[in-house]
Amino acid sequence: VGPDGDHPLRVYYNSRFSTDLLIEQTRK
């Protein structure tokens, strides 16, 4: 997120597995 007023550039993070069902099928 670009600089805004007194705030320098900020960085946010999120992630996700896209194989939940495949992992569950393997587990079972």
mmCIF file of all heavy atoms, coordinates in Angstrom:
data_MODEL
# 
_entry.id   MODEL 
# 
loop_
_atom_site.group_PDB 
_atom_site.id 
_atom_site.type_symbol 
_atom_site.label_atom_id 
_atom_site.label_alt_id 
_atom_site.label_comp_id 
_atom_site.label_asym_id 
_atom_site.label_entity_id 
_atom_site.label_seq_id 
_atom_site.pdbx_PDB_ins_code 
_atom_site.Cartn_x 
_atom_site.Cartn_y 
_atom_site.Cartn_z 
_atom_site.occupancy 
_atom_site.B_iso_or_equiv 
_atom_site.pdbx_formal_charge 
_atom_site.auth_seq_id 
_atom_site.auth_comp_id 
_atom_site.auth_asym_id 
_atom_site.auth_atom_id 
_atom_site.pdbx_PDB_model_num 
ATOM 1   N N   . VAL A 1 1  ? 0.853   -1.182  0.000  1.00 0.00 ? 1  VAL A N   1 
ATOM 2   C CA  . VAL A 1 1  ? 0.000   0.000   0.000  1.00 0.00 ? 1  VAL A CA  1 
ATOM 3   C C   . VAL A 1 1  ? 0.889   1.232   0.000  1.00 0.00 ? 1  VAL A C   1 
ATOM 4   O O   . VAL A 1 1  ? 1.733   1.412   0.899  1.00 0.00 ? 1  VAL A O   1 
ATOM 5   C CB  . VAL A 1 1  ? -0.940  0.011   1.218  1.00 0.00 ? 1  VAL A CB  1 
ATOM 6   C CG1 . VAL A 1 1  ? -1.805  1.271   1.222  1.00 0.00 ? 1  VAL A CG1 1 
ATOM 7   C CG2 . VAL A 1 1  ? -1.806  -1.248  1.212  1.00 0.00 ? 1  VAL A CG2 1 
ATOM 8   N N   . GLY A 1 2  ? 0.713   2.089   -0.995 1.00 0.00 ? 2  GLY A N   1 
ATOM 9   C CA  . GLY A 1 2  ? 1.588   3.224   -1.200 1.00 0.00 ? 2  GLY A CA  1 
ATOM 10  C C   . GLY A 1 2  ? 1.577   4.222   -0.062 1.00 0.00 ? 2  GLY A C   1 
ATOM 11  O O   . GLY A 1 2  ? 0.653   4.244   0.765  1.00 0.00 ? 2  GLY A O   1 
ATOM 12  N N   . PRO A 1 3  ? 2.619   5.052   0.016  1.00 0.00 ? 3  PRO A N   1 
ATOM 13  C CA  . PRO A 1 3  ? 2.703   6.069   1.070  1.00 0.00 ? 3  PRO A CA  1 
ATOM 14  C C   . PRO A 1 3  ? 1.469   6.967   1.067  1.00 0.00 ? 3  PRO A C   1 
ATOM 15  O O   . PRO A 1 3  ? 0.934   7.319   0.010  1.00 0.00 ? 3  PRO A O   1 
ATOM 16  C CB  . PRO A 1 3  ? 3.964   6.855   0.697  1.00 0.00 ? 3  PRO A CB  1 
ATOM 17  C CG  . PRO A 1 3  ? 4.760   5.931   -0.163 1.00 0.00 ? 3  PRO A CG  1 
ATOM 18  C CD  . PRO A 1 3  ? 3.763   5.098   -0.903 1.00 0.00 ? 3  PRO A CD  1 
ATOM 19  N N   . ASP A 1 4  ? 1.027   7.328   2.278  1.00 0.00 ? 4  ASP A N   1 
ATOM 20  C CA  . ASP A 1 4  ? -0.173  8.144   2.425  1.00 0.00 ? 4  ASP A CA  1 
ATOM 21  C C   . ASP A 1 4  ? 0.021   9.066   3.622  1.00 0.00 ? 4  ASP A C   1 
ATOM 22  O O   . ASP A 1 4  ? 0.014   8.606   4.769  1.00 0.00 ? 4  ASP A O   1 
ATOM 23  C CB  . ASP A 1 4  ? -1.402  7.250   2.620  1.00 0.00 ? 4  ASP A CB  1 
ATOM 24  C CG  . ASP A 1 4  ? -2.688  8.044   2.771  1.00 0.00 ? 4  ASP A CG  1 
ATOM 25  O OD1 . ASP A 1 4  ? -2.678  9.242   2.440  1.00 0.00 ? 4  ASP A OD1 1 
ATOM 26  O OD2 . ASP A 1 4  ? -3.695  7.467   3.229  1.00 0.00 ? 4  ASP A OD2 1 
ATOM 27  N N   . GLY A 1 5  ? 0.172   10.353  3.367  1.00 0.00 ? 5  GLY A N   1 
ATOM 28  C CA  . GLY A 1 5  ? 0.368   11.298  4.455  1.00 0.00 ? 5  GLY A CA  1 
ATOM 29  C C   . GLY A 1 5  ? 1.631   10.982  5.228  1.00 0.00 ? 5  GLY A C   1 
ATOM 30  O O   . GLY A 1 5  ? 2.735   10.961  4.681  1.00 0.00 ? 5  GLY A O   1 
ATOM 31  N N   . ASP A 1 6  ? 1.465   10.738  6.518  1.00 0.00 ? 6  ASP A N   1 
ATOM 32  C CA  . ASP A 1 6  ? 2.606   10.426  7.378  1.00 0.00 ? 6  ASP A CA  1 
ATOM 33  C C   . ASP A 1 6  ? 2.986   8.952   7.341  1.00 0.00 ? 6  ASP A C   1 
ATOM 34  O O   . ASP A 1 6  ? 3.957   8.550   8.001  1.00 0.00 ? 6  ASP A O   1 
ATOM 35  C CB  . ASP A 1 6  ? 2.302   10.830  8.827  1.00 0.00 ? 6  ASP A CB  1 
ATOM 36  C CG  . ASP A 1 6  ? 2.114   12.334  8.983  1.00 0.00 ? 6  ASP A CG  1 
ATOM 37  O OD1 . ASP A 1 6  ? 2.710   13.073  8.188  1.00 0.00 ? 6  ASP A OD1 1 
ATOM 38  O OD2 . ASP A 1 6  ? 1.367   12.745  9.896  1.00 0.00 ? 6  ASP A OD2 1 
ATOM 39  N N   . HIS A 1 7  ? 2.225   8.141   6.605  1.00 0.00 ? 7  HIS A N   1 
ATOM 40  C CA  . HIS A 1 7  ? 2.475   6.700   6.570  1.00 0.00 ? 7  HIS A CA  1 
ATOM 41  C C   . HIS A 1 7  ? 3.394   6.347   5.404  1.00 0.00 ? 7  HIS A C   1 
ATOM 42  O O   . HIS A 1 7  ? 3.095   6.678   4.257  1.00 0.00 ? 7  HIS A O   1 
ATOM 43  C CB  . HIS A 1 7  ? 1.171   5.919   6.443  1.00 0.00 ? 7  HIS A CB  1 
ATOM 44  C CG  . HIS A 1 7  ? 0.228   6.114   7.593  1.00 0.00 ? 7  HIS A CG  1 
ATOM 45  N ND1 . HIS A 1 7  ? 0.434   5.543   8.820  1.00 0.00 ? 7  HIS A ND1 1 
ATOM 46  C CD2 . HIS A 1 7  ? -0.924  6.819   7.691  1.00 0.00 ? 7  HIS A CD2 1 
ATOM 47  C CE1 . HIS A 1 7  ? -0.542  5.871   9.639  1.00 0.00 ? 7  HIS A CE1 1 
ATOM 48  N NE2 . HIS A 1 7  ? -1.389  6.651   8.977  1.00 0.00 ? 7  HIS A NE2 1 
ATOM 49  N N   . PRO A 1 8  ? 4.510   5.669   5.671  1.00 0.00 ? 8  PRO A N   1 
ATOM 50  C CA  . PRO A 1 8  ? 5.322   5.142   4.560  1.00 0.00 ? 8  PRO A CA  1 
ATOM 51  C C   . PRO A 1 8  ? 4.603   3.966   3.920  1.00 0.00 ? 8  PRO A C   1 
ATOM 52  O O   . PRO A 1 8  ? 3.520   3.558   4.352  1.00 0.00 ? 8  PRO A O   1 
ATOM 53  C CB  . PRO A 1 8  ? 6.604   4.702   5.266  1.00 0.00 ? 8  PRO A CB  1 
ATOM 54  C CG  . PRO A 1 8  ? 6.161   4.346   6.650  1.00 0.00 ? 8  PRO A CG  1 
ATOM 55  C CD  . PRO A 1 8  ? 5.045   5.314   6.980  1.00 0.00 ? 8  PRO A CD  1 
ATOM 56  N N   . LEU A 1 9  ? 5.194   3.407   2.882  1.00 0.00 ? 9  LEU A N   1 
ATOM 57  C CA  . LEU A 1 9  ? 4.593   2.243   2.235  1.00 0.00 ? 9  LEU A CA  1 
ATOM 58  C C   . LEU A 1 9  ? 4.447   1.113   3.250  1.00 0.00 ? 9  LEU A C   1 
ATOM 59  O O   . LEU A 1 9  ? 5.370   0.805   3.993  1.00 0.00 ? 9  LEU A O   1 
ATOM 60  C CB  . LEU A 1 9  ? 5.435   1.787   1.049  1.00 0.00 ? 9  LEU A CB  1 
ATOM 61  C CG  . LEU A 1 9  ? 4.851   0.643   0.214  1.00 0.00 ? 9  LEU A CG  1 
ATOM 62  C CD1 . LEU A 1 9  ? 5.105   0.881   -1.271 1.00 0.00 ? 9  LEU A CD1 1 
ATOM 63  C CD2 . LEU A 1 9  ? 5.443   -0.697  0.628  1.00 0.00 ? 9  LEU A CD2 1 
ATOM 64  N N   . ARG A 1 10 ? 3.264   0.517   3.281  1.00 0.00 ? 10 ARG A N   1 
ATOM 65  C CA  . ARG A 1 10 ? 2.967   -0.594  4.179  1.00 0.00 ? 10 ARG A CA  1 
ATOM 66  C C   . ARG A 1 10 ? 2.819   -1.882  3.380  1.00 0.00 ? 10 ARG A C   1 
ATOM 67  O O   . ARG A 1 10 ? 2.422   -1.861  2.215  1.00 0.00 ? 10 ARG A O   1 
ATOM 68  C CB  . ARG A 1 10 ? 1.683   -0.308  4.961  1.00 0.00 ? 10 ARG A CB  1 
ATOM 69  C CG  . ARG A 1 10 ? 1.819   0.791   6.018  1.00 0.00 ? 10 ARG A CG  1 
ATOM 70  C CD  . ARG A 1 10 ? 0.478   1.392   6.372  1.00 0.00 ? 10 ARG A CD  1 
ATOM 71  N NE  . ARG A 1 10 ? -0.044  2.196   5.258  1.00 0.00 ? 10 ARG A NE  1 
ATOM 72  C CZ  . ARG A 1 10 ? -1.301  2.606   5.162  1.00 0.00 ? 10 ARG A CZ  1 
ATOM 73  N NH1 . ARG A 1 10 ? -2.185  2.256   6.082  1.00 0.00 ? 10 ARG A NH1 1 
ATOM 74  N NH2 . ARG A 1 10 ? -1.693  3.341   4.137  1.00 0.00 ? 10 ARG A NH2 1 
ATOM 75  N N   . VAL A 1 11 ? 3.111   -3.011  4.023  1.00 0.00 ? 11 VAL A N   1 
ATOM 76  C CA  . VAL A 1 11 ? 3.047   -4.318  3.374  1.00 0.00 ? 11 VAL A CA  1 
ATOM 77  C C   . VAL A 1 11 ? 2.125   -5.232  4.185  1.00 0.00 ? 11 VAL A C   1 
ATOM 78  O O   . VAL A 1 11 ? 2.282   -5.359  5.407  1.00 0.00 ? 11 VAL A O   1 
ATOM 79  C CB  . VAL A 1 11 ? 4.434   -4.964  3.248  1.00 0.00 ? 11 VAL A CB  1 
ATOM 80  C CG1 . VAL A 1 11 ? 4.331   -6.327  2.543  1.00 0.00 ? 11 VAL A CG1 1 
ATOM 81  C CG2 . VAL A 1 11 ? 5.387   -4.049  2.479  1.00 0.00 ? 11 VAL A CG2 1 
ATOM 82  N N   . TYR A 1 12 ? 1.173   -5.859  3.497  1.00 0.00 ? 12 TYR A N   1 
ATOM 83  C CA  . TYR A 1 12 ? 0.244   -6.800  4.125  1.00 0.00 ? 12 TYR A CA  1 
ATOM 84  C C   . TYR A 1 12 ? 0.422   -8.161  3.456  1.00 0.00 ? 12 TYR A C   1 
ATOM 85  O O   . TYR A 1 12 ? 0.840   -8.260  2.298  1.00 0.00 ? 12 TYR A O   1 
ATOM 86  C CB  . TYR A 1 12 ? -1.203  -6.324  3.977  1.00 0.00 ? 12 TYR A CB  1 
ATOM 87  C CG  . TYR A 1 12 ? -1.494  -5.024  4.667  1.00 0.00 ? 12 TYR A CG  1 
ATOM 88  C CD1 . TYR A 1 12 ? -1.233  -3.811  4.028  1.00 0.00 ? 12 TYR A CD1 1 
ATOM 89  C CD2 . TYR A 1 12 ? -2.027  -4.982  5.954  1.00 0.00 ? 12 TYR A CD2 1 
ATOM 90  C CE1 . TYR A 1 12 ? -1.491  -2.596  4.660  1.00 0.00 ? 12 TYR A CE1 1 
ATOM 91  C CE2 . TYR A 1 12 ? -2.290  -3.780  6.595  1.00 0.00 ? 12 TYR A CE2 1 
ATOM 92  C CZ  . TYR A 1 12 ? -2.019  -2.593  5.943  1.00 0.00 ? 12 TYR A CZ  1 
ATOM 93  O OH  . TYR A 1 12 ? -2.261  -1.397  6.562  1.00 0.00 ? 12 TYR A OH  1 
ATOM 94  N N   . TYR A 1 13 ? 0.081   -9.214  4.208  1.00 0.00 ? 13 TYR A N   1 
ATOM 95  C CA  . TYR A 1 13 ? 0.307   -10.574 3.701  1.00 0.00 ? 13 TYR A CA  1 
ATOM 96  C C   . TYR A 1 13 ? -0.873  -11.472 4.021  1.00 0.00 ? 13 TYR A C   1 
ATOM 97  O O   . TYR A 1 13 ? -1.465  -11.391 5.112  1.00 0.00 ? 13 TYR A O   1 
ATOM 98  C CB  . TYR A 1 13 ? 1.563   -11.168 4.353  1.00 0.00 ? 13 TYR A CB  1 
ATOM 99  C CG  . TYR A 1 13 ? 1.765   -12.651 4.092  1.00 0.00 ? 13 TYR A CG  1 
ATOM 100 C CD1 . TYR A 1 13 ? 2.250   -13.103 2.881  1.00 0.00 ? 13 TYR A CD1 1 
ATOM 101 C CD2 . TYR A 1 13 ? 1.458   -13.595 5.075  1.00 0.00 ? 13 TYR A CD2 1 
ATOM 102 C CE1 . TYR A 1 13 ? 2.433   -14.466 2.647  1.00 0.00 ? 13 TYR A CE1 1 
ATOM 103 C CE2 . TYR A 1 13 ? 1.648   -14.951 4.857  1.00 0.00 ? 13 TYR A CE2 1 
ATOM 104 C CZ  . TYR A 1 13 ? 2.125   -15.383 3.633  1.00 0.00 ? 13 TYR A CZ  1 
ATOM 105 O OH  . TYR A 1 13 ? 2.307   -16.712 3.403  1.00 0.00 ? 13 TYR A OH  1 
ATOM 106 N N   . ASN A 1 14 ? -1.258  -12.316 3.065  1.00 0.00 ? 14 ASN A N   1 
ATOM 107 C CA  . ASN A 1 14 ? -2.159  -13.435 3.331  1.00 0.00 ? 14 ASN A CA  1 
ATOM 108 C C   . ASN A 1 14 ? -1.813  -14.578 2.382  1.00 0.00 ? 14 ASN A C   1 
ATOM 109 O O   . ASN A 1 14 ? -1.142  -14.382 1.353  1.00 0.00 ? 14 ASN A O   1 
ATOM 110 C CB  . ASN A 1 14 ? -3.640  -13.042 3.203  1.00 0.00 ? 14 ASN A CB  1 
ATOM 111 C CG  . ASN A 1 14 ? -4.040  -12.594 1.815  1.00 0.00 ? 14 ASN A CG  1 
ATOM 112 O OD1 . ASN A 1 14 ? -3.613  -11.517 1.353  1.00 0.00 ? 14 ASN A OD1 1 
ATOM 113 N ND2 . ASN A 1 14 ? -4.872  -13.373 1.147  1.00 0.00 ? 14 ASN A ND2 1 
ATOM 114 N N   . SER A 1 15 ? -2.229  -15.785 2.749  1.00 0.00 ? 15 SER A N   1 
ATOM 115 C CA  . SER A 1 15 ? -1.906  -16.960 1.939  1.00 0.00 ? 15 SER A CA  1 
ATOM 116 C C   . SER A 1 15 ? -2.994  -18.008 2.101  1.00 0.00 ? 15 SER A C   1 
ATOM 117 O O   . SER A 1 15 ? -3.779  -17.971 3.052  1.00 0.00 ? 15 SER A O   1 
ATOM 118 C CB  . SER A 1 15 ? -0.545  -17.542 2.352  1.00 0.00 ? 15 SER A CB  1 
ATOM 119 O OG  . SER A 1 15 ? -0.564  -17.962 3.701  1.00 0.00 ? 15 SER A OG  1 
ATOM 120 N N   . ARG A 1 16 ? -3.004  -18.948 1.178  1.00 0.00 ? 16 ARG A N   1 
ATOM 121 C CA  . ARG A 1 16 ? -4.019  -20.001 1.244  1.00 0.00 ? 16 ARG A CA  1 
ATOM 122 C C   . ARG A 1 16 ? -3.584  -21.197 0.408  1.00 0.00 ? 16 ARG A C   1 
ATOM 123 O O   . ARG A 1 16 ? -3.068  -21.042 -0.714 1.00 0.00 ? 16 ARG A O   1 
ATOM 124 C CB  . ARG A 1 16 ? -5.374  -19.491 0.728  1.00 0.00 ? 16 ARG A CB  1 
ATOM 125 C CG  . ARG A 1 16 ? -6.523  -20.468 0.979  1.00 0.00 ? 16 ARG A CG  1 
ATOM 126 C CD  . ARG A 1 16 ? -7.832  -19.939 0.412  1.00 0.00 ? 16 ARG A CD  1 
ATOM 127 N NE  . ARG A 1 16 ? -8.934  -20.819 0.739  1.00 0.00 ? 16 ARG A NE  1 
ATOM 128 C CZ  . ARG A 1 16 ? -9.731  -20.685 1.789  1.00 0.00 ? 16 ARG A CZ  1 
ATOM 129 N NH1 . ARG A 1 16 ? -9.560  -19.666 2.607  1.00 0.00 ? 16 ARG A NH1 1 
ATOM 130 N NH2 . ARG A 1 16 ? -10.706 -21.540 2.008  1.00 0.00 ? 16 ARG A NH2 1 
ATOM 131 N N   . PHE A 1 17 ? -3.785  -22.390 0.959  1.00 0.00 ? 17 PHE A N   1 
ATOM 132 C CA  . PHE A 1 17 ? -3.654  -23.607 0.157  1.00 0.00 ? 17 PHE A CA  1 
ATOM 133 C C   . PHE A 1 17 ? -4.849  -23.679 -0.794 1.00 0.00 ? 17 PHE A C   1 
ATOM 134 O O   . PHE A 1 17 ? -5.982  -23.390 -0.403 1.00 0.00 ? 17 PHE A O   1 
ATOM 135 C CB  . PHE A 1 17 ? -3.615  -24.848 1.045  1.00 0.00 ? 17 PHE A CB  1 
ATOM 136 C CG  . PHE A 1 17 ? -2.274  -25.113 1.656  1.00 0.00 ? 17 PHE A CG  1 
ATOM 137 C CD1 . PHE A 1 17 ? -1.940  -24.585 2.898  1.00 0.00 ? 17 PHE A CD1 1 
ATOM 138 C CD2 . PHE A 1 17 ? -1.336  -25.885 0.994  1.00 0.00 ? 17 PHE A CD2 1 
ATOM 139 C CE1 . PHE A 1 17 ? -0.703  -24.814 3.469  1.00 0.00 ? 17 PHE A CE1 1 
ATOM 140 C CE2 . PHE A 1 17 ? -0.082  -26.126 1.558  1.00 0.00 ? 17 PHE A CE2 1 
ATOM 141 C CZ  . PHE A 1 17 ? 0.237   -25.593 2.794  1.00 0.00 ? 17 PHE A CZ  1 
ATOM 142 N N   . SER A 1 18 ? -4.587  -24.077 -2.015 1.00 0.00 ? 18 SER A N   1 
ATOM 143 C CA  . SER A 1 18 ? -5.674  -24.234 -2.987 1.00 0.00 ? 18 SER A CA  1 
ATOM 144 C C   . SER A 1 18 ? -5.981  -25.698 -3.252 1.00 0.00 ? 18 SER A C   1 
ATOM 145 O O   . SER A 1 18 ? -6.617  -26.044 -4.245 1.00 0.00 ? 18 SER A O   1 
ATOM 146 C CB  . SER A 1 18 ? -5.299  -23.545 -4.303 1.00 0.00 ? 18 SER A CB  1 
ATOM 147 O OG  . SER A 1 18 ? -4.161  -24.161 -4.888 1.00 0.00 ? 18 SER A OG  1 
ATOM 148 N N   . THR A 1 19 ? -5.531  -26.573 -2.337 1.00 0.00 ? 19 THR A N   1 
ATOM 149 C CA  . THR A 1 19 ? -5.648  -28.023 -2.535 1.00 0.00 ? 19 THR A CA  1 
ATOM 150 C C   . THR A 1 19 ? -6.266  -28.711 -1.322 1.00 0.00 ? 19 THR A C   1 
ATOM 151 O O   . THR A 1 19 ? -5.958  -29.868 -1.026 1.00 0.00 ? 19 THR A O   1 
ATOM 152 C CB  . THR A 1 19 ? -4.254  -28.618 -2.807 1.00 0.00 ? 19 THR A CB  1 
ATOM 153 O OG1 . THR A 1 19 ? -3.341  -28.137 -1.799 1.00 0.00 ? 19 THR A OG1 1 
ATOM 154 C CG2 . THR A 1 19 ? -3.738  -28.239 -4.183 1.00 0.00 ? 19 THR A CG2 1 
ATOM 155 N N   . ASP A 1 20 ? -7.156  -28.025 -0.609 1.00 0.00 ? 20 ASP A N   1 
ATOM 156 C CA  . ASP A 1 20 ? -7.709  -28.585 0.627  1.00 0.00 ? 20 ASP A CA  1 
ATOM 157 C C   . ASP A 1 20 ? -8.399  -29.921 0.404  1.00 0.00 ? 20 ASP A C   1 
ATOM 158 O O   . ASP A 1 20 ? -8.235  -30.868 1.181  1.00 0.00 ? 20 ASP A O   1 
ATOM 159 C CB  . ASP A 1 20 ? -8.693  -27.596 1.257  1.00 0.00 ? 20 ASP A CB  1 
ATOM 160 C CG  . ASP A 1 20 ? -7.996  -26.384 1.850  1.00 0.00 ? 20 ASP A CG  1 
ATOM 161 O OD1 . ASP A 1 20 ? -6.759  -26.416 1.962  1.00 0.00 ? 20 ASP A OD1 1 
ATOM 162 O OD2 . ASP A 1 20 ? -8.681  -25.410 2.193  1.00 0.00 ? 20 ASP A OD2 1 
ATOM 163 N N   . LEU A 1 21 ? -9.202  -30.017 -0.659 1.00 0.00 ? 21 LEU A N   1 
ATOM 164 C CA  . LEU A 1 21 ? -9.940  -31.263 -0.906 1.00 0.00 ? 21 LEU A CA  1 
ATOM 165 C C   . LEU A 1 21 ? -9.000  -32.391 -1.311 1.00 0.00 ? 21 LEU A C   1 
ATOM 166 O O   . LEU A 1 21 ? -9.182  -33.543 -0.898 1.00 0.00 ? 21 LEU A O   1 
ATOM 167 C CB  . LEU A 1 21 ? -11.009 -31.042 -1.980 1.00 0.00 ? 21 LEU A CB  1 
ATOM 168 C CG  . LEU A 1 21 ? -11.933 -32.229 -2.254 1.00 0.00 ? 21 LEU A CG  1 
ATOM 169 C CD1 . LEU A 1 21 ? -12.606 -32.717 -0.970 1.00 0.00 ? 21 LEU A CD1 1 
ATOM 170 C CD2 . LEU A 1 21 ? -12.992 -31.858 -3.303 1.00 0.00 ? 21 LEU A CD2 1 
ATOM 171 N N   . LEU A 1 22 ? -7.985  -32.078 -2.104 1.00 0.00 ? 22 LEU A N   1 
ATOM 172 C CA  . LEU A 1 22 ? -6.998  -33.087 -2.487 1.00 0.00 ? 22 LEU A CA  1 
ATOM 173 C C   . LEU A 1 22 ? -6.281  -33.629 -1.248 1.00 0.00 ? 22 LEU A C   1 
ATOM 174 O O   . LEU A 1 22 ? -6.085  -34.844 -1.115 1.00 0.00 ? 22 LEU A O   1 
ATOM 175 C CB  . LEU A 1 22 ? -5.988  -32.482 -3.461 1.00 0.00 ? 22 LEU A CB  1 
ATOM 176 C CG  . LEU A 1 22 ? -4.831  -33.383 -3.895 1.00 0.00 ? 22 LEU A CG  1 
ATOM 177 C CD1 . LEU A 1 22 ? -5.333  -34.626 -4.602 1.00 0.00 ? 22 LEU A CD1 1 
ATOM 178 C CD2 . LEU A 1 22 ? -3.856  -32.607 -4.778 1.00 0.00 ? 22 LEU A CD2 1 
ATOM 179 N N   . ILE A 1 23 ? -5.895  -32.744 -0.338 1.00 0.00 ? 23 ILE A N   1 
ATOM 180 C CA  . ILE A 1 23 ? -5.237  -33.174 0.900  1.00 0.00 ? 23 ILE A CA  1 
ATOM 181 C C   . ILE A 1 23 ? -6.185  -34.034 1.729  1.00 0.00 ? 23 ILE A C   1 
ATOM 182 O O   . ILE A 1 23 ? -5.783  -35.073 2.290  1.00 0.00 ? 23 ILE A O   1 
ATOM 183 C CB  . ILE A 1 23 ? -4.751  -31.949 1.690  1.00 0.00 ? 23 ILE A CB  1 
ATOM 184 C CG1 . ILE A 1 23 ? -3.644  -31.223 0.911  1.00 0.00 ? 23 ILE A CG1 1 
ATOM 185 C CG2 . ILE A 1 23 ? -4.262  -32.355 3.074  1.00 0.00 ? 23 ILE A CG2 1 
ATOM 186 C CD1 . ILE A 1 23 ? -3.238  -29.898 1.510  1.00 0.00 ? 23 ILE A CD1 1 
ATOM 187 N N   . GLU A 1 24 ? -7.458  -33.632 1.797  1.00 0.00 ? 24 GLU A N   1 
ATOM 188 C CA  . GLU A 1 24 ? -8.432  -34.393 2.574  1.00 0.00 ? 24 GLU A CA  1 
ATOM 189 C C   . GLU A 1 24 ? -8.678  -35.767 1.949  1.00 0.00 ? 24 GLU A C   1 
ATOM 190 O O   . GLU A 1 24 ? -8.803  -36.779 2.657  1.00 0.00 ? 24 GLU A O   1 
ATOM 191 C CB  . GLU A 1 24 ? -9.741  -33.611 2.680  1.00 0.00 ? 24 GLU A CB  1 
ATOM 192 C CG  . GLU A 1 24 ? -10.850 -34.298 3.459  1.00 0.00 ? 24 GLU A CG  1 
ATOM 193 C CD  . GLU A 1 24 ? -10.509 -34.529 4.923  1.00 0.00 ? 24 GLU A CD  1 
ATOM 194 O OE1 . GLU A 1 24 ? -9.491  -33.971 5.406  1.00 0.00 ? 24 GLU A OE1 1 
ATOM 195 O OE2 . GLU A 1 24 ? -11.251 -35.268 5.598  1.00 0.00 ? 24 GLU A OE2 1 
ATOM 196 N N   . GLN A 1 25 ? -8.741  -35.845 0.634  1.00 0.00 ? 25 GLN A N   1 
ATOM 197 C CA  . GLN A 1 25 ? -8.914  -37.138 -0.041 1.00 0.00 ? 25 GLN A CA  1 
ATOM 198 C C   . GLN A 1 25 ? -7.729  -38.061 0.253  1.00 0.00 ? 25 GLN A C   1 
ATOM 199 O O   . GLN A 1 25 ? -7.906  -39.262 0.485  1.00 0.00 ? 25 GLN A O   1 
ATOM 200 C CB  . GLN A 1 25 ? -9.056  -36.915 -1.547 1.00 0.00 ? 25 GLN A CB  1 
ATOM 201 C CG  . GLN A 1 25 ? -10.361 -36.257 -1.961 1.00 0.00 ? 25 GLN A CG  1 
ATOM 202 C CD  . GLN A 1 25 ? -10.379 -35.881 -3.436 1.00 0.00 ? 25 GLN A CD  1 
ATOM 203 O OE1 . GLN A 1 25 ? -9.338  -35.837 -4.089 1.00 0.00 ? 25 GLN A OE1 1 
ATOM 204 N NE2 . GLN A 1 25 ? -11.567 -35.592 -3.953 1.00 0.00 ? 25 GLN A NE2 1 
ATOM 205 N N   . THR A 1 26 ? -6.538  -37.492 0.259  1.00 0.00 ? 26 THR A N   1 
ATOM 206 C CA  . THR A 1 26 ? -5.350  -38.285 0.565  1.00 0.00 ? 26 THR A CA  1 
ATOM 207 C C   . THR A 1 26 ? -5.371  -38.751 2.022  1.00 0.00 ? 26 THR A C   1 
ATOM 208 O O   . THR A 1 26 ? -5.010  -39.897 2.333  1.00 0.00 ? 26 THR A O   1 
ATOM 209 C CB  . THR A 1 26 ? -4.081  -37.463 0.286  1.00 0.00 ? 26 THR A CB  1 
ATOM 210 O OG1 . THR A 1 26 ? -4.090  -37.010 -1.071 1.00 0.00 ? 26 THR A OG1 1 
ATOM 211 C CG2 . THR A 1 26 ? -2.830  -38.286 0.524  1.00 0.00 ? 26 THR A CG2 1 
ATOM 212 N N   . ARG A 1 27 ? -5.794  -37.863 2.907  1.00 0.00 ? 27 ARG A N   1 
ATOM 213 C CA  . ARG A 1 27 ? -5.857  -38.218 4.335  1.00 0.00 ? 27 ARG A CA  1 
ATOM 214 C C   . ARG A 1 27 ? -6.820  -39.372 4.562  1.00 0.00 ? 27 ARG A C   1 
ATOM 215 O O   . ARG A 1 27 ? -6.526  -40.301 5.327  1.00 0.00 ? 27 ARG A O   1 
ATOM 216 C CB  . ARG A 1 27 ? -6.312  -36.995 5.138  1.00 0.00 ? 27 ARG A CB  1 
ATOM 217 C CG  . ARG A 1 27 ? -6.252  -37.198 6.647  1.00 0.00 ? 27 ARG A CG  1 
ATOM 218 C CD  . ARG A 1 27 ? -6.832  -36.010 7.393  1.00 0.00 ? 27 ARG A CD  1 
ATOM 219 N NE  . ARG A 1 27 ? -8.278  -35.937 7.226  1.00 0.00 ? 27 ARG A NE  1 
ATOM 220 C CZ  . ARG A 1 27 ? -9.149  -36.640 7.961  1.00 0.00 ? 27 ARG A CZ  1 
ATOM 221 N NH1 . ARG A 1 27 ? -8.720  -37.489 8.886  1.00 0.00 ? 27 ARG A NH1 1 
ATOM 222 N NH2 . ARG A 1 27 ? -10.448 -36.526 7.753  1.00 0.00 ? 27 ARG A NH2 1 
ATOM 223 N N   . LYS A 1 28 ? -7.966  -39.382 3.904  1.00 0.00 ? 28 LYS A N   1 
ATOM 224 C CA  . LYS A 1 28 ? -8.957  -40.428 4.108  1.00 0.00 ? 28 LYS A CA  1 
ATOM 225 C C   . LYS A 1 28 ? -8.585  -41.730 3.400  1.00 0.00 ? 28 LYS A C   1 
ATOM 226 O O   . LYS A 1 28 ? -8.775  -42.821 3.941  1.00 0.00 ? 28 LYS A O   1 
ATOM 227 C CB  . LYS A 1 28 ? -10.322 -39.949 3.628  1.00 0.00 ? 28 LYS A CB  1 
ATOM 228 C CG  . LYS A 1 28 ? -10.949 -38.889 4.524  1.00 0.00 ? 28 LYS A CG  1 
ATOM 229 C CD  . LYS A 1 28 ? -12.344 -38.534 4.040  1.00 0.00 ? 28 LYS A CD  1 
ATOM 230 C CE  . LYS A 1 28 ? -13.022 -37.564 5.003  1.00 0.00 ? 28 LYS A CE  1 
ATOM 231 N NZ  . LYS A 1 28 ? -14.400 -37.215 4.561  1.00 0.00 ? 28 LYS A NZ  1 
# 
